[in-house]
PDB file of N, CA and C in Angstrom:
ATOM      1  N   MET A   1     -26.020  -0.213 -20.961  1.00  0.00           N
ATOM      2  CA  MET A   1     -26.356  -0.953 -19.761  1.00  0.00           C
ATOM      3  C   MET A   1     -25.085  -1.482 -19.114  1.00  0.00           C
ATOM      4  N   LYS A   2     -24.954  -1.290 -17.828  1.00  0.00           N
ATOM      5  CA  LYS A   2     -23.794  -1.760 -17.087  1.00  0.00           C
ATOM      6  C   LYS A   2     -24.202  -2.932 -16.203  1.00  0.00           C
ATOM      7  N   LEU A   3     -23.368  -3.948 -16.162  1.00  0.00           N
ATOM      8  CA  LEU A   3     -23.656  -5.115 -15.333  1.00  0.00           C
ATOM      9  C   LEU A   3     -23.277  -4.844 -13.885  1.00  0.00           C
ATOM     10  N   SER A   4     -24.047  -5.399 -12.964  1.00  0.00           N
ATOM     11  CA  SER A   4     -23.706  -5.291 -11.548  1.00  0.00           C
ATOM     12  C   SER A   4     -22.525  -6.218 -11.250  1.00  0.00           C
ATOM     13  N   LYS A   5     -21.898  -6.021 -10.102  1.00  0.00           N
ATOM     14  CA  LYS A   5     -20.752  -6.861  -9.716  1.00  0.00           C
ATOM     15  C   LYS A   5     -21.128  -8.342  -9.673  1.00  0.00           C
ATOM     16  N   ILE A   6     -22.328  -8.642  -9.233  1.00  0.00           N
ATOM     17  CA  ILE A   6     -22.752 -10.047  -9.143  1.00  0.00           C
ATOM     18  C   ILE A   6     -22.933 -10.658 -10.530  1.00  0.00           C
ATOM     19  N   GLU A   7     -23.249  -9.824 -11.530  1.00  0.00           N
ATOM     20  CA  GLU A   7     -23.424 -10.310 -12.901  1.00  0.00           C
ATOM     21  C   GLU A   7     -22.098 -10.434 -13.653  1.00  0.00           C
ATOM     22  N   GLN A   8     -21.045  -9.815 -13.136  1.00  0.00           N
ATOM     23  CA  GLN A   8     -19.732  -9.871 -13.775  1.00  0.00           C
ATOM     24  C   GLN A   8     -19.008 -11.129 -13.307  1.00  0.00           C
ATOM     25  N   GLU A   9     -19.325 -12.222 -13.960  1.00  0.00           N
ATOM     26  CA  GLU A   9     -18.834 -13.511 -13.500  1.00  0.00           C
ATOM     27  C   GLU A   9     -17.684 -14.039 -14.348  1.00  0.00           C
ATOM     28  N   THR A  10     -17.060 -15.067 -13.819  1.00  0.00           N
ATOM     29  CA  THR A  10     -16.033 -15.820 -14.535  1.00  0.00           C
ATOM     30  C   THR A  10     -16.493 -17.268 -14.555  1.00  0.00           C
ATOM     31  N   ILE A  11     -16.502 -17.844 -15.753  1.00  0.00           N
ATOM     32  CA  ILE A  11     -16.931 -19.233 -15.920  1.00  0.00           C
ATOM     33  C   ILE A  11     -15.805 -19.996 -16.610  1.00  0.00           C
ATOM     34  N   ILE A  12     -15.363 -21.059 -15.985  1.00  0.00           N
ATOM     35  CA  ILE A  12     -14.347 -21.949 -16.564  1.00  0.00           C
ATOM     36  C   ILE A  12     -15.042 -23.262 -16.861  1.00  0.00           C
ATOM     37  N   ASN A  13     -14.951 -23.705 -18.108  1.00  0.00           N
ATOM     38  CA  ASN A  13     -15.692 -24.892 -18.524  1.00  0.00           C
ATOM     39  C   ASN A  13     -14.760 -25.834 -19.287  1.00  0.00           C
ATOM     40  N   PHE A  14     -14.773 -27.095 -18.895  1.00  0.00           N
ATOM     41  CA  PHE A  14     -14.056 -28.129 -19.645  1.00  0.00           C
ATOM     42  C   PHE A  14     -14.683 -29.469 -19.352  1.00  0.00           C
ATOM     43  N   ASN A  15     -14.378 -30.440 -20.199  1.00  0.00           N
ATOM     44  CA  ASN A  15     -14.861 -31.793 -19.972  1.00  0.00           C
ATOM     45  C   ASN A  15     -13.693 -32.763 -20.094  1.00  0.00           C
ATOM     46  N   GLU A  16     -13.943 -34.003 -19.770  1.00  0.00           N
ATOM     47  CA  GLU A  16     -12.869 -34.999 -19.763  1.00  0.00           C
ATOM     48  C   GLU A  16     -12.468 -35.452 -21.162  1.00  0.00           C
ATOM     49  N   ALA A  17     -13.310 -35.239 -22.155  1.00  0.00           N
ATOM     50  CA  ALA A  17     -13.017 -35.710 -23.505  1.00  0.00           C
ATOM     51  C   ALA A  17     -12.104 -34.765 -24.287  1.00  0.00           C
ATOM     52  N   ASP A  18     -12.251 -33.465 -24.065  1.00  0.00           N
ATOM     53  CA  ASP A  18     -11.480 -32.485 -24.827  1.00  0.00           C
ATOM     54  C   ASP A  18     -10.228 -32.054 -24.085  1.00  0.00           C
ATOM     55  N   GLY A  19      -9.263 -31.593 -24.837  1.00  0.00           N
ATOM     56  CA  GLY A  19      -8.016 -31.105 -24.248  1.00  0.00           C
ATOM     57  C   GLY A  19      -8.016 -29.606 -24.030  1.00  0.00           C
ATOM     58  N   THR A  20      -9.131 -28.944 -24.333  1.00  0.00           N
ATOM     59  CA  THR A  20      -9.189 -27.496 -24.165  1.00  0.00           C
ATOM     60  C   THR A  20     -10.213 -27.108 -23.103  1.00  0.00           C
ATOM     61  N   ALA A  21      -9.997 -25.940 -22.549  1.00  0.00           N
ATOM     62  CA  ALA A  21     -10.926 -25.353 -21.592  1.00  0.00           C
ATOM     63  C   ALA A  21     -11.374 -24.015 -22.147  1.00  0.00           C
ATOM     64  N   SER A  22     -12.588 -23.617 -21.823  1.00  0.00           N
ATOM     65  CA  SER A  22     -13.057 -22.295 -22.220  1.00  0.00           C
ATOM     66  C   SER A  22     -13.239 -21.456 -20.961  1.00  0.00           C
ATOM     67  N   ILE A  23     -12.857 -20.191 -21.078  1.00  0.00           N
ATOM     68  CA  ILE A  23     -12.968 -19.260 -19.962  1.00  0.00           C
ATOM     69  C   ILE A  23     -13.704 -18.029 -20.453  1.00  0.00           C
ATOM     70  N   TYR A  24     -14.778 -17.690 -19.753  1.00  0.00           N
ATOM     71  CA  TYR A  24     -15.532 -16.467 -19.990  1.00  0.00           C
ATOM     72  C   TYR A  24     -15.370 -15.621 -18.734  1.00  0.00           C
ATOM     73  N   THR A  25     -14.937 -14.356 -18.888  1.00  0.00           N
ATOM     74  CA  THR A  25     -14.689 -13.551 -17.702  1.00  0.00           C
ATOM     75  C   THR A  25     -14.938 -12.071 -17.913  1.00  0.00           C
ATOM     76  N   HIS A  26     -15.250 -11.402 -16.818  1.00  0.00           N
ATOM     77  CA  HIS A  26     -15.328  -9.945 -16.748  1.00  0.00           C
ATOM     78  C   HIS A  26     -14.203  -9.408 -15.861  1.00  0.00           C
ATOM     79  N   ASN A  27     -13.443 -10.287 -15.219  1.00  0.00           N
ATOM     80  CA  ASN A  27     -12.369  -9.893 -14.313  1.00  0.00           C
ATOM     81  C   ASN A  27     -11.240  -9.240 -15.102  1.00  0.00           C
ATOM     82  N   GLU A  28     -10.934  -7.970 -14.779  1.00  0.00           N
ATOM     83  CA  GLU A  28      -9.953  -7.216 -15.558  1.00  0.00           C
ATOM     84  C   GLU A  28      -8.562  -7.837 -15.538  1.00  0.00           C
ATOM     85  N   ALA A  29      -8.109  -8.295 -14.375  1.00  0.00           N
ATOM     86  CA  ALA A  29      -6.776  -8.900 -14.286  1.00  0.00           C
ATOM     87  C   ALA A  29      -6.708 -10.180 -15.108  1.00  0.00           C
ATOM     88  N   LEU A  30      -7.734 -10.996 -15.041  1.00  0.00           N
ATOM     89  CA  LEU A  30      -7.755 -12.242 -15.810  1.00  0.00           C
ATOM     90  C   LEU A  30      -7.873 -11.960 -17.304  1.00  0.00           C
ATOM     91  N   LYS A  31      -8.642 -10.946 -17.681  1.00  0.00           N
ATOM     92  CA  LYS A  31      -8.737 -10.584 -19.103  1.00  0.00           C
ATOM     93  C   LYS A  31      -7.377 -10.138 -19.638  1.00  0.00           C
ATOM     94  N   ARG A  32      -6.630  -9.353 -18.841  1.00  0.00           N
ATOM     95  CA  ARG A  32      -5.288  -8.933 -19.276  1.00  0.00           C
ATOM     96  C   ARG A  32      -4.364 -10.135 -19.420  1.00  0.00           C
ATOM     97  N   GLN A  33      -4.406 -11.049 -18.456  1.00  0.00           N
ATOM     98  CA  GLN A  33      -3.542 -12.224 -18.494  1.00  0.00           C
ATOM     99  C   GLN A  33      -3.873 -13.110 -19.696  1.00  0.00           C
ATOM    100  N   LEU A  34      -5.150 -13.346 -19.931  1.00  0.00           N
ATOM    101  CA  LEU A  34      -5.542 -14.178 -21.070  1.00  0.00           C
ATOM    102  C   LEU A  34      -5.251 -13.495 -22.399  1.00  0.00           C
ATOM    103  N   SER A  35      -5.437 -12.189 -22.473  1.00  0.00           N
ATOM    104  CA  SER A  35      -5.115 -11.454 -23.702  1.00  0.00           C
ATOM    105  C   SER A  35      -3.625 -11.516 -24.001  1.00  0.00           C
ATOM    106  N   GLU A  36      -2.808 -11.439 -22.960  1.00  0.00           N
ATOM    107  CA  GLU A  36      -1.360 -11.548 -23.145  1.00  0.00           C
ATOM    108  C   GLU A  36      -0.989 -12.953 -23.613  1.00  0.00           C
ATOM    109  N   LEU A  37      -1.613 -13.976 -23.049  1.00  0.00           N
ATOM    110  CA  LEU A  37      -1.356 -15.343 -23.511  1.00  0.00           C
ATOM    111  C   LEU A  37      -1.790 -15.515 -24.964  1.00  0.00           C
ATOM    112  N   TYR A  38      -2.906 -14.917 -25.321  1.00  0.00           N
ATOM    113  CA  TYR A  38      -3.395 -14.957 -26.701  1.00  0.00           C
ATOM    114  C   TYR A  38      -2.387 -14.292 -27.643  1.00  0.00           C
ATOM    115  N   ARG A  39      -1.812 -13.180 -27.187  1.00  0.00           N
ATOM    116  CA  ARG A  39      -0.832 -12.464 -28.014  1.00  0.00           C
ATOM    117  C   ARG A  39       0.477 -13.242 -28.149  1.00  0.00           C
ATOM    118  N   THR A  40       0.937 -13.864 -27.069  1.00  0.00           N
ATOM    119  CA  THR A  40       2.233 -14.548 -27.088  1.00  0.00           C
ATOM    120  C   THR A  40       2.158 -16.007 -27.531  1.00  0.00           C
ATOM    121  N   HIS A  41       0.979 -16.627 -27.441  1.00  0.00           N
ATOM    122  CA  HIS A  41       0.812 -18.034 -27.808  1.00  0.00           C
ATOM    123  C   HIS A  41      -0.412 -18.213 -28.714  1.00  0.00           C
ATOM    124  N   PRO A  42      -0.429 -17.564 -29.879  1.00  0.00           N
ATOM    125  CA  PRO A  42      -1.628 -17.619 -30.733  1.00  0.00           C
ATOM    126  C   PRO A  42      -1.951 -19.020 -31.255  1.00  0.00           C
ATOM    127  N   GLU A  43      -0.976 -19.914 -31.256  1.00  0.00           N
ATOM    128  CA  GLU A  43      -1.238 -21.268 -31.733  1.00  0.00           C
ATOM    129  C   GLU A  43      -1.953 -22.115 -30.683  1.00  0.00           C
ATOM    130  N   GLN A  44      -1.909 -21.702 -29.409  1.00  0.00           N
ATOM    131  CA  GLN A  44      -2.516 -22.488 -28.341  1.00  0.00           C
ATOM    132  C   GLN A  44      -3.703 -21.801 -27.674  1.00  0.00           C
ATOM    133  N   VAL A  45      -3.756 -20.484 -27.743  1.00  0.00           N
ATOM    134  CA  VAL A  45      -4.820 -19.724 -27.085  1.00  0.00           C
ATOM    135  C   VAL A  45      -5.559 -18.930 -28.154  1.00  0.00           C
ATOM    136  N   ARG A  46      -6.879 -18.963 -28.080  1.00  0.00           N
ATOM    137  CA  ARG A  46      -7.642 -18.138 -29.016  1.00  0.00           C
ATOM    138  C   ARG A  46      -8.782 -17.448 -28.292  1.00  0.00           C
ATOM    139  N   GLN A  47      -9.009 -16.208 -28.712  1.00  0.00           N
ATOM    140  CA  GLN A  47     -10.142 -15.461 -28.173  1.00  0.00           C
ATOM    141  C   GLN A  47     -11.340 -15.823 -29.019  1.00  0.00           C
ATOM    142  N   THR A  48     -12.395 -16.275 -28.372  1.00  0.00           N
ATOM    143  CA  THR A  48     -13.557 -16.764 -29.111  1.00  0.00           C
ATOM    144  C   THR A  48     -14.713 -15.785 -29.141  1.00  0.00           C
ATOM    145  N   ASP A  49     -14.730 -14.813 -28.207  1.00  0.00           N
ATOM    146  CA  ASP A  49     -15.858 -13.879 -28.179  1.00  0.00           C
ATOM    147  C   ASP A  49     -15.508 -12.667 -27.337  1.00  0.00           C
ATOM    148  N   ALA A  50     -16.160 -11.558 -27.648  1.00  0.00           N
ATOM    149  CA  ALA A  50     -16.122 -10.339 -26.835  1.00  0.00           C
ATOM    150  C   ALA A  50     -17.526  -9.767 -26.887  1.00  0.00           C
ATOM    151  N   ASN A  51     -18.141  -9.573 -25.732  1.00  0.00           N
ATOM    152  CA  ASN A  51     -19.517  -9.069 -25.760  1.00  0.00           C
ATOM    153  C   ASN A  51     -19.577  -7.584 -25.426  1.00  0.00           C
ATOM    154  N   ARG A  52     -20.712  -6.991 -25.615  1.00  0.00           N
ATOM    155  CA  ARG A  52     -20.853  -5.537 -25.442  1.00  0.00           C
ATOM    156  C   ARG A  52     -20.855  -5.108 -23.986  1.00  0.00           C
ATOM    157  N   TRP A  53     -20.875  -6.047 -23.046  1.00  0.00           N
ATOM    158  CA  TRP A  53     -20.847  -5.724 -21.632  1.00  0.00           C
ATOM    159  C   TRP A  53     -19.452  -5.845 -21.034  1.00  0.00           C
ATOM    160  N   GLY A  54     -18.468  -6.129 -21.860  1.00  0.00           N
ATOM    161  CA  GLY A  54     -17.089  -6.206 -21.386  1.00  0.00           C
ATOM    162  C   GLY A  54     -16.571  -7.598 -21.106  1.00  0.00           C
ATOM    163  N   GLY A  55     -17.359  -8.615 -21.355  1.00  0.00           N
ATOM    164  CA  GLY A  55     -16.908  -9.991 -21.129  1.00  0.00           C
ATOM    165  C   GLY A  55     -16.093 -10.505 -22.307  1.00  0.00           C
ATOM    166  N   LEU A  56     -15.082 -11.282 -22.015  1.00  0.00           N
ATOM    167  CA  LEU A  56     -14.253 -11.910 -23.044  1.00  0.00           C
ATOM    168  C   LEU A  56     -14.269 -13.420 -22.844  1.00  0.00           C
ATOM    169  N   SER A  57     -14.169 -14.146 -23.955  1.00  0.00           N
ATOM    170  CA  SER A  57     -14.109 -15.612 -23.908  1.00  0.00           C
ATOM    171  C   SER A  57     -12.837 -16.078 -24.604  1.00  0.00           C
ATOM    172  N   PHE A  58     -12.200 -17.066 -24.028  1.00  0.00           N
ATOM    173  CA  PHE A  58     -10.966 -17.629 -24.568  1.00  0.00           C
ATOM    174  C   PHE A  58     -11.028 -19.143 -24.493  1.00  0.00           C
ATOM    175  N   GLU A  59     -10.269 -19.799 -25.377  1.00  0.00           N
ATOM    176  CA  GLU A  59     -10.019 -21.238 -25.291  1.00  0.00           C
ATOM    177  C   GLU A  59      -8.525 -21.434 -25.155  1.00  0.00           C
ATOM    178  N   LEU A  60      -8.134 -22.352 -24.285  1.00  0.00           N
ATOM    179  CA  LEU A  60      -6.731 -22.637 -24.064  1.00  0.00           C
ATOM    180  C   LEU A  60      -6.583 -24.083 -23.616  1.00  0.00           C
ATOM    181  N   PRO A  61      -5.357 -24.618 -23.623  1.00  0.00           N
ATOM    182  CA  PRO A  61      -5.162 -26.003 -23.195  1.00  0.00           C
ATOM    183  C   PRO A  61      -5.615 -26.205 -21.747  1.00  0.00           C
ATOM    184  N   LYS A  62      -6.364 -27.251 -21.544  1.00  0.00           N
ATOM    185  CA  LYS A  62      -6.897 -27.573 -20.217  1.00  0.00           C
ATOM    186  C   LYS A  62      -5.767 -27.782 -19.210  1.00  0.00           C
ATOM    187  N   LYS A  63      -4.644 -28.310 -19.653  1.00  0.00           N
ATOM    188  CA  LYS A  63      -3.548 -28.585 -18.722  1.00  0.00           C
ATOM    189  C   LYS A  63      -2.894 -27.308 -18.191  1.00  0.00           C
ATOM    190  N   TRP A  64      -3.216 -26.152 -18.771  1.00  0.00           N
ATOM    191  CA  TRP A  64      -2.687 -24.879 -18.275  1.00  0.00           C
ATOM    192  C   TRP A  64      -3.440 -24.399 -17.036  1.00  0.00           C
ATOM    193  N   LEU A  65      -4.604 -24.942 -16.770  1.00  0.00           N
ATOM    194  CA  LEU A  65      -5.384 -24.526 -15.606  1.00  0.00           C
ATOM    195  C   LEU A  65      -4.763 -25.100 -14.340  1.00  0.00           C
ATOM    196  N   LYS A  66      -4.755 -24.303 -13.297  1.00  0.00           N
ATOM    197  CA  LYS A  66      -4.116 -24.736 -12.061  1.00  0.00           C
ATOM    198  C   LYS A  66      -4.817 -24.065 -10.883  1.00  0.00           C
ATOM    199  N   VAL A  67      -5.082 -24.839  -9.862  1.00  0.00           N
ATOM    200  CA  VAL A  67      -5.621 -24.306  -8.612  1.00  0.00           C
ATOM    201  C   VAL A  67      -4.564 -24.578  -7.554  1.00  0.00           C
ATOM    202  N   SER A  68      -4.107 -23.521  -6.901  1.00  0.00           N
ATOM    203  CA  SER A  68      -3.071 -23.724  -5.885  1.00  0.00           C
ATOM    204  C   SER A  68      -3.372 -22.860  -4.664  1.00  0.00           C
ATOM    205  N   PRO A  69      -3.131 -23.428  -3.490  1.00  0.00           N
ATOM    206  CA  PRO A  69      -3.352 -22.650  -2.270  1.00  0.00           C
ATOM    207  C   PRO A  69      -2.233 -21.620  -2.109  1.00  0.00           C
ATOM    208  N   PRO A  70      -2.461 -20.602  -1.289  1.00  0.00           N
ATOM    209  CA  PRO A  70      -1.401 -19.624  -1.052  1.00  0.00           C
ATOM    210  C   PRO A  70      -0.223 -20.272  -0.328  1.00  0.00           C
ATOM    211  N   ARG A  71       0.938 -19.743  -0.582  1.00  0.00           N
ATOM    212  CA  ARG A  71       2.148 -20.252   0.033  1.00  0.00           C
ATOM    213  C   ARG A  71       2.162 -19.880   1.514  1.00  0.00           C
ATOM    214  N   VAL A  72       2.480 -20.844   2.363  1.00  0.00           N
ATOM    215  CA  VAL A  72       2.569 -20.606   3.799  1.00  0.00           C
ATOM    216  C   VAL A  72       4.053 -20.575   4.165  1.00  0.00           C
ATOM    217  N   LEU A  73       4.479 -19.445   4.713  1.00  0.00           N
ATOM    218  CA  LEU A  73       5.881 -19.278   5.066  1.00  0.00           C
ATOM    219  C   LEU A  73       6.109 -19.602   6.535  1.00  0.00           C
ATOM    220  N   SER A  74       7.236 -20.239   6.798  1.00  0.00           N
ATOM    221  CA  SER A  74       7.628 -20.476   8.188  1.00  0.00           C
ATOM    222  C   SER A  74       8.153 -19.150   8.749  1.00  0.00           C
ATOM    223  N   PRO A  75       8.250 -19.037  10.065  1.00  0.00           N
ATOM    224  CA  PRO A  75       8.810 -17.807  10.638  1.00  0.00           C
ATOM    225  C   PRO A  75      10.225 -17.518  10.133  1.00  0.00           C
ATOM    226  N   ALA A  76      11.027 -18.544   9.923  1.00  0.00           N
ATOM    227  CA  ALA A  76      12.391 -18.343   9.417  1.00  0.00           C
ATOM    228  C   ALA A  76      12.365 -17.803   7.982  1.00  0.00           C
ATOM    229  N   GLN A  77      11.501 -18.358   7.137  1.00  0.00           N
ATOM    230  CA  GLN A  77      11.392 -17.874   5.763  1.00  0.00           C
ATOM    231  C   GLN A  77      10.892 -16.429   5.734  1.00  0.00           C
ATOM    232  N   ARG A  78       9.933 -16.118   6.598  1.00  0.00           N
ATOM    233  CA  ARG A  78       9.405 -14.753   6.664  1.00  0.00           C
ATOM    234  C   ARG A  78      10.500 -13.773   7.098  1.00  0.00           C
ATOM    235  N   ALA A  79      11.337 -14.190   8.056  1.00  0.00           N
ATOM    236  CA  ALA A  79      12.429 -13.333   8.525  1.00  0.00           C
ATOM    237  C   ALA A  79      13.424 -13.059   7.404  1.00  0.00           C
ATOM    238  N   VAL A  80      13.752 -14.088   6.619  1.00  0.00           N
ATOM    239  CA  VAL A  80      14.673 -13.914   5.492  1.00  0.00           C
ATOM    240  C   VAL A  80      14.079 -12.935   4.477  1.00  0.00           C
ATOM    241  N   LEU A  81      12.803 -13.097   4.138  1.00  0.00           N
ATOM    242  CA  LEU A  81      12.159 -12.190   3.185  1.00  0.00           C
ATOM    243  C   LEU A  81      12.087 -10.766   3.730  1.00  0.00           C
ATOM    244  N   ASP A  82      11.830 -10.619   5.019  1.00  0.00           N
ATOM    245  CA  ASP A  82      11.799  -9.289   5.629  1.00  0.00           C
ATOM    246  C   ASP A  82      13.164  -8.615   5.530  1.00  0.00           C
ATOM    247  N   ARG A  83      14.234  -9.371   5.794  1.00  0.00           N
ATOM    248  CA  ARG A  83      15.589  -8.809   5.671  1.00  0.00           C
ATOM    249  C   ARG A  83      15.889  -8.408   4.235  1.00  0.00           C
ATOM    250  N   MET A  84      15.484  -9.236   3.277  1.00  0.00           N
ATOM    251  CA  MET A  84      15.715  -8.902   1.868  1.00  0.00           C
ATOM    252  C   MET A  84      14.966  -7.639   1.475  1.00  0.00           C
ATOM    253  N   ASN A  85      13.742  -7.506   1.954  1.00  0.00           N
ATOM    254  CA  ASN A  85      12.952  -6.319   1.636  1.00  0.00           C
ATOM    255  C   ASN A  85      13.538  -5.066   2.275  1.00  0.00           C
ATOM    256  N   GLN A  86      14.093  -5.192   3.474  1.00  0.00           N
ATOM    257  CA  GLN A  86      14.706  -4.050   4.138  1.00  0.00           C
ATOM    258  C   GLN A  86      15.952  -3.594   3.397  1.00  0.00           C
ATOM    259  N   LYS A  87      16.710  -4.522   2.826  1.00  0.00           N
ATOM    260  CA  LYS A  87      17.922  -4.172   2.070  1.00  0.00           C
ATOM    261  C   LYS A  87      17.567  -3.404   0.788  1.00  0.00           C
ATOM    262  N   ARG A  88      16.422  -3.735   0.199  1.00  0.00           N
ATOM    263  CA  ARG A  88      16.001  -3.065  -1.036  1.00  0.00           C
ATOM    264  C   ARG A  88      15.590  -1.618  -0.793  1.00  0.00           C
ATOM    265  N   ARG A  89      15.142  -1.325   0.412  1.00  0.00           N
ATOM    266  CA  ARG A  89      14.659   0.035   0.709  1.00  0.00           C
ATOM    267  C   ARG A  89      15.765   0.976   0.967  1.00  0.00           C
TER     268      ARG A  89
END
């Protein structure tokens, strides 16, 4: 059985009492990132579950979670980045 896109969710759960957060996800990029953190930081990150539909669950320090808006560049900053990219080509 394959899950539909709407069923392939990501759930981030934490409370104010604990220092850890749990993440359940089907997102491939997030699964790779969390698996890499699990591999490089086994003392702080642990994989808690893997289900038959492709979802993975992890626990990690709550303070590692971050929500940030996209960076807004000024026209001058964009011009500098454009020049740098042109030099690389």
